[in-house]
Amino acid sequence: MKCLSRVAALVPLLILGCFSSAQSAEKITVAFGEVLAPWVLADTNRGIIIDLFDTAMSPLGYEVVPVYSPYARRSKVYQSGSIDVVSDMNLNTVNQHELQGFLSDVAYSYENFAFSLHKKQYQFKQLSDLEKQSLLSWQDAKIHLGTDYANMANNNPQYSETFDQSIQVKMLFLERYEVIQMDASIFEYYRNKIATEGKVDVSQKVDRFALFGPSPNGFMFKSEKMRDEFNQRLKQIKASGQYQKIFARYIPALDQAEPQRP
């Protein structure tokens, strides 16, 4: 009976210990763009970038808390001091916004293309060729993609940016804009989603022009210790194969039947 009494007495202590351990996890608030599928799926707190960050930091005892905002506002939210980390950072963005903190290693890269309807038969060879067409891009592209891109955008009176990348796809197929500029995976995700909704016909063939090259990105940390921990974990999940599995979860093989112009 004494043994049973001791076990009974220990149970509340074990429960309390587990609860205290869960409560002691250090929270990391991370700013993500709010309309960036499949990289960020705000309605489910999932997506490539969120899963990647969580896979890196959760095993270290951190609780990742996503914060969503329009893409161009991420830097302002970070500067306000209300969050610990901001996603989609590179040296261009850090320098332009004069952000203070610690930039991680490259964690992922977007593959940006200029998309146009195939029937237009455009033959874009270089960035400056886009100056004469109406072009809808994503917020902060002029800062994020460097000087050559900014020069093209500034020389194009028909250039615009939007925080909602699903609008880019709709505007292309509704022929409100002649060209849109975005990541190939984001384009395919929203094209399929819009097709399912049935409100806009997205069946036309498109041409995609590889004028920009990969856009490497990482995370900006307030804490140097957290940045270093993330870099170390990033190497580990790449070596283990976890990194590739995260991408495969969201990005199927893209349809290569449509023309892909250089």
Protein backbone atom coordinates (compact mmCIF):
# COMPACT_ATOMS: atom_id res chain seq x y z
CA MET A 1 0.00 0.00 0.00
CA LYS A 2 2.88 2.34 0.81
CA CYS A 3 4.29 1.77 -2.73
CA LEU A 4 0.93 2.57 -4.28
CA SER A 5 0.68 5.72 -2.20
CA ARG A 6 4.10 6.84 -3.37
CA VAL A 7 3.19 6.23 -7.03
CA ALA A 8 -0.06 8.15 -6.58
CA ALA A 9 1.83 11.03 -5.04
CA LEU A 10 4.29 11.10 -7.94
CA VAL A 11 1.65 11.29 -10.69
CA PRO A 12 0.70 14.95 -10.10
CA LEU A 13 4.37 15.85 -9.96
CA LEU A 14 5.04 14.14 -13.31
CA ILE A 15 2.07 15.92 -14.90
CA LEU A 16 3.21 19.23 -13.46
CA GLY A 17 6.72 18.58 -14.74
CA CYS A 18 5.50 17.92 -18.29
CA PHE A 19 3.28 21.00 -18.19
CA SER A 20 6.13 23.18 -16.92
CA SER A 21 8.42 21.84 -19.66
CA ALA A 22 5.88 22.69 -22.34
CA GLN A 23 5.34 26.11 -20.83
CA SER A 24 9.09 26.79 -20.72
CA ALA A 25 9.58 26.54 -24.50
CA GLU A 26 10.99 29.84 -25.77
CA LYS A 27 8.72 31.44 -28.35
CA ILE A 28 10.10 32.85 -31.63
CA THR A 29 7.84 35.24 -33.52
CA VAL A 30 8.54 35.12 -37.26
CA ALA A 31 7.13 37.52 -39.89
CA PHE A 32 5.98 35.93 -43.15
CA GLY A 33 4.27 37.35 -46.23
CA GLU A 34 0.56 36.53 -46.00
CA VAL A 35 -0.21 35.61 -49.64
CA LEU A 36 2.69 33.45 -50.80
CA ALA A 37 1.42 29.91 -51.43
CA PRO A 38 2.81 27.26 -51.52
CA TRP A 39 5.73 28.85 -49.67
CA VAL A 40 3.44 30.30 -46.99
CA LEU A 41 -0.11 29.05 -46.32
CA ALA A 42 -1.37 31.48 -43.69
CA ASP A 43 -4.74 29.81 -43.18
CA THR A 44 -3.11 26.58 -41.97
CA ASN A 45 0.22 27.89 -40.59
CA ARG A 46 1.98 25.64 -43.06
CA GLY A 47 3.98 26.00 -46.26
CA ILE A 48 7.56 25.42 -47.39
CA ILE A 49 9.14 28.33 -45.52
CA ILE A 50 7.16 27.82 -42.30
CA ASP A 51 7.83 24.07 -42.27
CA LEU A 52 11.50 24.66 -42.98
CA PHE A 53 11.90 27.12 -40.10
CA ASP A 54 9.88 24.96 -37.71
CA THR A 55 11.84 21.83 -38.62
CA ALA A 56 15.06 23.69 -37.91
CA MET A 57 14.12 25.35 -34.61
CA SER A 58 11.49 23.22 -32.82
CA PRO A 59 13.91 20.39 -31.93
CA LEU A 60 16.00 22.99 -30.08
CA GLY A 61 13.08 23.71 -27.75
CA TYR A 62 11.68 26.77 -29.51
CA GLU A 63 8.01 27.37 -30.23
CA VAL A 64 7.60 29.06 -33.62
CA VAL A 65 4.82 31.68 -33.72
CA PRO A 66 4.02 32.88 -37.30
CA VAL A 67 3.02 36.51 -37.85
CA TYR A 68 1.53 37.38 -41.26
CA SER A 69 1.59 40.76 -42.97
CA PRO A 70 1.54 42.21 -46.49
CA TYR A 71 4.88 41.38 -48.09
CA ALA A 72 6.28 44.93 -48.11
CA ARG A 73 5.38 45.47 -44.43
CA ARG A 74 7.50 42.59 -43.09
CA SER A 75 10.55 44.81 -42.75
CA LYS A 76 8.58 47.49 -40.87
CA VAL A 77 7.16 44.91 -38.49
CA TYR A 78 10.70 43.66 -37.83
CA GLN A 79 12.00 47.20 -37.29
CA SER A 80 9.21 47.87 -34.79
CA GLY A 81 10.80 45.36 -32.43
CA SER A 82 7.62 43.29 -32.07
CA ILE A 83 9.04 40.16 -33.73
CA ASP A 84 12.24 38.14 -33.51
CA VAL A 85 12.76 37.00 -37.11
CA VAL A 86 11.70 38.06 -40.60
CA SER A 87 11.63 35.78 -43.66
CA ASP A 88 12.53 36.37 -47.32
CA MET A 89 15.63 38.42 -46.64
CA ASN A 90 18.69 39.05 -48.78
CA LEU A 91 21.44 41.69 -48.73
CA ASN A 92 19.52 43.98 -51.10
CA THR A 93 16.51 44.09 -48.77
CA VAL A 94 18.59 44.35 -45.61
CA ASN A 95 20.67 47.24 -46.95
CA GLN A 96 17.77 49.14 -48.51
CA HIS A 97 15.67 48.99 -45.33
CA GLU A 98 18.75 49.44 -43.09
CA LEU A 99 17.78 46.46 -40.98
CA GLN A 100 19.80 45.64 -37.89
CA GLY A 101 20.37 42.02 -36.97
CA PHE A 102 21.94 38.81 -38.17
CA LEU A 103 21.25 37.36 -41.63
CA SER A 104 21.16 33.59 -41.96
CA ASP A 105 22.72 31.48 -44.67
CA VAL A 106 20.65 31.07 -47.83
CA ALA A 107 17.72 28.87 -46.79
CA TYR A 108 15.75 28.65 -50.07
CA SER A 109 15.53 30.25 -53.51
CA TYR A 110 12.65 31.40 -55.66
CA GLU A 111 12.73 30.81 -59.43
CA ASN A 112 11.24 33.98 -60.87
CA PHE A 113 10.00 34.20 -64.45
CA ALA A 114 8.25 36.75 -66.63
CA PHE A 115 4.95 35.15 -67.72
CA SER A 116 2.95 36.20 -70.79
CA LEU A 117 0.15 34.64 -72.81
CA HIS A 118 1.55 32.46 -75.59
CA LYS A 119 -0.67 34.09 -78.20
CA LYS A 120 1.18 37.38 -77.71
CA GLN A 121 4.35 35.78 -79.10
CA TYR A 122 6.71 38.00 -77.15
CA GLN A 123 10.43 37.37 -77.55
CA PHE A 124 11.96 38.80 -74.38
CA LYS A 125 15.72 38.36 -74.25
CA GLN A 126 16.75 40.75 -71.48
CA LEU A 127 15.25 42.72 -68.60
CA SER A 128 15.07 45.98 -70.54
CA ASP A 129 12.74 44.30 -73.05
CA LEU A 130 10.02 44.46 -70.37
CA GLU A 131 10.02 48.26 -70.24
CA LYS A 132 7.40 48.60 -73.00
CA GLN A 133 4.83 46.14 -71.62
CA SER A 134 2.35 46.54 -68.76
CA LEU A 135 3.91 44.50 -65.97
CA LEU A 136 2.45 43.45 -62.62
CA SER A 137 4.94 42.22 -60.02
CA TRP A 138 4.97 41.52 -56.27
CA GLN A 139 5.55 44.01 -53.47
CA ASP A 140 9.16 44.99 -52.81
CA ALA A 141 10.41 43.35 -56.04
CA LYS A 142 12.21 46.56 -57.03
CA ILE A 143 14.21 46.40 -53.80
CA HIS A 144 14.61 42.65 -53.52
CA LEU A 145 15.79 41.86 -57.07
CA GLY A 146 18.60 44.39 -57.38
CA THR A 147 19.65 47.37 -59.46
CA ASP A 148 19.02 46.05 -62.99
CA TYR A 149 15.47 45.06 -62.11
CA ALA A 150 14.84 48.39 -60.38
CA ASN A 151 16.08 50.29 -63.45
CA MET A 152 13.72 48.34 -65.68
CA ALA A 153 10.78 48.98 -63.36
CA ASN A 154 11.56 52.68 -62.98
CA ASN A 155 11.74 53.06 -66.77
CA ASN A 156 8.36 51.38 -67.25
CA PRO A 157 5.37 53.72 -66.66
CA GLN A 158 3.08 50.66 -66.78
CA TYR A 159 4.83 48.83 -63.94
CA SER A 160 2.89 47.98 -60.75
CA GLU A 161 3.27 45.77 -57.68
CA THR A 162 0.67 43.94 -55.57
CA PHE A 163 0.83 42.11 -52.22
CA ASP A 164 -1.64 39.44 -53.45
CA GLN A 165 0.04 37.16 -55.97
CA SER A 166 -3.20 35.42 -56.90
CA ILE A 167 -4.25 38.78 -58.40
CA GLN A 168 -1.19 38.67 -60.67
CA VAL A 169 -2.35 35.38 -62.20
CA LYS A 170 -5.92 36.60 -62.63
CA MET A 171 -4.80 39.85 -64.24
CA LEU A 172 -2.65 37.96 -66.77
CA PHE A 173 -5.47 35.69 -67.96
CA LEU A 174 -8.01 38.52 -67.92
CA GLU A 175 -5.52 40.43 -70.12
CA ARG A 176 -5.39 43.41 -67.80
CA TYR A 177 -1.60 43.13 -67.82
CA GLU A 178 0.60 41.83 -70.61
CA VAL A 179 3.29 40.39 -68.31
CA ILE A 180 3.51 39.25 -64.71
CA GLN A 181 6.70 38.48 -62.80
CA MET A 182 6.68 35.80 -60.09
CA ASP A 183 8.06 32.50 -58.81
CA ALA A 184 7.12 29.52 -60.96
CA SER A 185 5.76 27.46 -58.05
CA ILE A 186 3.58 30.33 -56.86
CA PHE A 187 2.26 30.80 -60.40
CA GLU A 188 1.35 27.12 -60.74
CA TYR A 189 -0.27 27.00 -57.30
CA TYR A 190 -2.57 29.96 -57.94
CA ARG A 191 -3.30 28.95 -61.52
CA ASN A 192 -4.58 25.58 -60.29
CA LYS A 193 -6.54 27.19 -57.45
CA ILE A 194 -8.19 29.73 -59.77
CA ALA A 195 -9.04 26.98 -62.25
CA THR A 196 -10.80 25.06 -59.47
CA GLU A 197 -12.84 28.13 -58.51
CA GLY A 198 -14.03 28.42 -62.13
CA LYS A 199 -14.44 32.21 -62.16
CA VAL A 200 -11.51 33.00 -64.47
CA ASP A 201 -10.45 30.95 -67.50
CA VAL A 202 -6.77 30.10 -66.99
CA SER A 203 -6.53 27.47 -69.72
CA GLN A 204 -4.55 29.54 -72.23
CA LYS A 205 -0.94 28.55 -72.86
CA VAL A 206 1.69 30.81 -71.36
CA ASP A 207 5.32 31.53 -72.11
CA ARG A 208 7.78 31.94 -69.27
CA PHE A 209 11.02 33.88 -69.66
CA ALA A 210 13.99 33.19 -67.39
CA LEU A 211 15.31 36.75 -67.17
CA PHE A 212 16.01 36.97 -63.45
CA GLY A 213 17.86 33.89 -62.28
CA PRO A 214 17.34 32.28 -58.85
CA SER A 215 16.41 34.62 -56.00
CA PRO A 216 18.19 33.32 -52.86
CA ASN A 217 16.61 34.12 -49.49
CA GLY A 218 17.15 33.59 -45.79
CA PHE A 219 15.97 34.84 -42.40
CA MET A 220 16.97 37.96 -40.45
CA PHE A 221 17.34 37.38 -36.71
CA LYS A 222 17.48 39.82 -33.80
CA SER A 223 19.55 37.22 -31.91
CA GLU A 224 22.97 36.13 -33.15
CA LYS A 225 22.67 32.95 -31.05
CA MET A 226 19.40 31.98 -32.76
CA ARG A 227 20.87 32.76 -36.18
CA ASP A 228 23.84 30.51 -35.53
CA GLU A 229 21.58 27.73 -34.24
CA PHE A 230 19.42 28.01 -37.34
CA ASN A 231 22.43 27.85 -39.69
CA GLN A 232 23.69 24.72 -37.96
CA ARG A 233 20.29 23.02 -38.07
CA LEU A 234 19.83 24.02 -41.74
CA LYS A 235 22.99 22.09 -42.61
CA GLN A 236 21.75 19.09 -40.66
CA ILE A 237 18.31 18.89 -42.27
CA LYS A 238 19.84 19.25 -45.73
CA ALA A 239 22.25 16.40 -45.00
CA SER A 240 19.48 14.19 -43.57
CA GLY A 241 17.14 14.57 -46.54
CA GLN A 242 14.45 16.38 -44.50
CA TYR A 243 15.00 19.52 -46.56
CA GLN A 244 14.12 17.82 -49.84
CA LYS A 245 11.05 16.15 -48.28
CA ILE A 246 9.65 19.53 -47.21
CA PHE A 247 9.82 20.83 -50.78
CA ALA A 248 8.38 17.62 -52.26
CA ARG A 249 5.41 17.99 -49.91
CA TYR A 250 4.30 21.17 -51.66
CA ILE A 251 5.85 21.35 -55.14
CA PRO A 252 4.94 18.63 -57.65
CA ALA A 253 6.83 18.37 -60.93
CA LEU A 254 5.87 21.40 -63.00
CA ASP A 255 4.18 20.87 -66.35
CA GLN A 256 6.89 21.34 -68.96
CA ALA A 257 4.54 21.04 -71.94
CA GLU A 258 4.33 24.79 -72.35
CA PRO A 259 7.16 26.71 -74.02
CA GLN A 260 9.91 27.86 -71.68
CA ARG A 261 11.90 30.55 -73.40
CA PRO A 262 15.42 31.64 -72.44
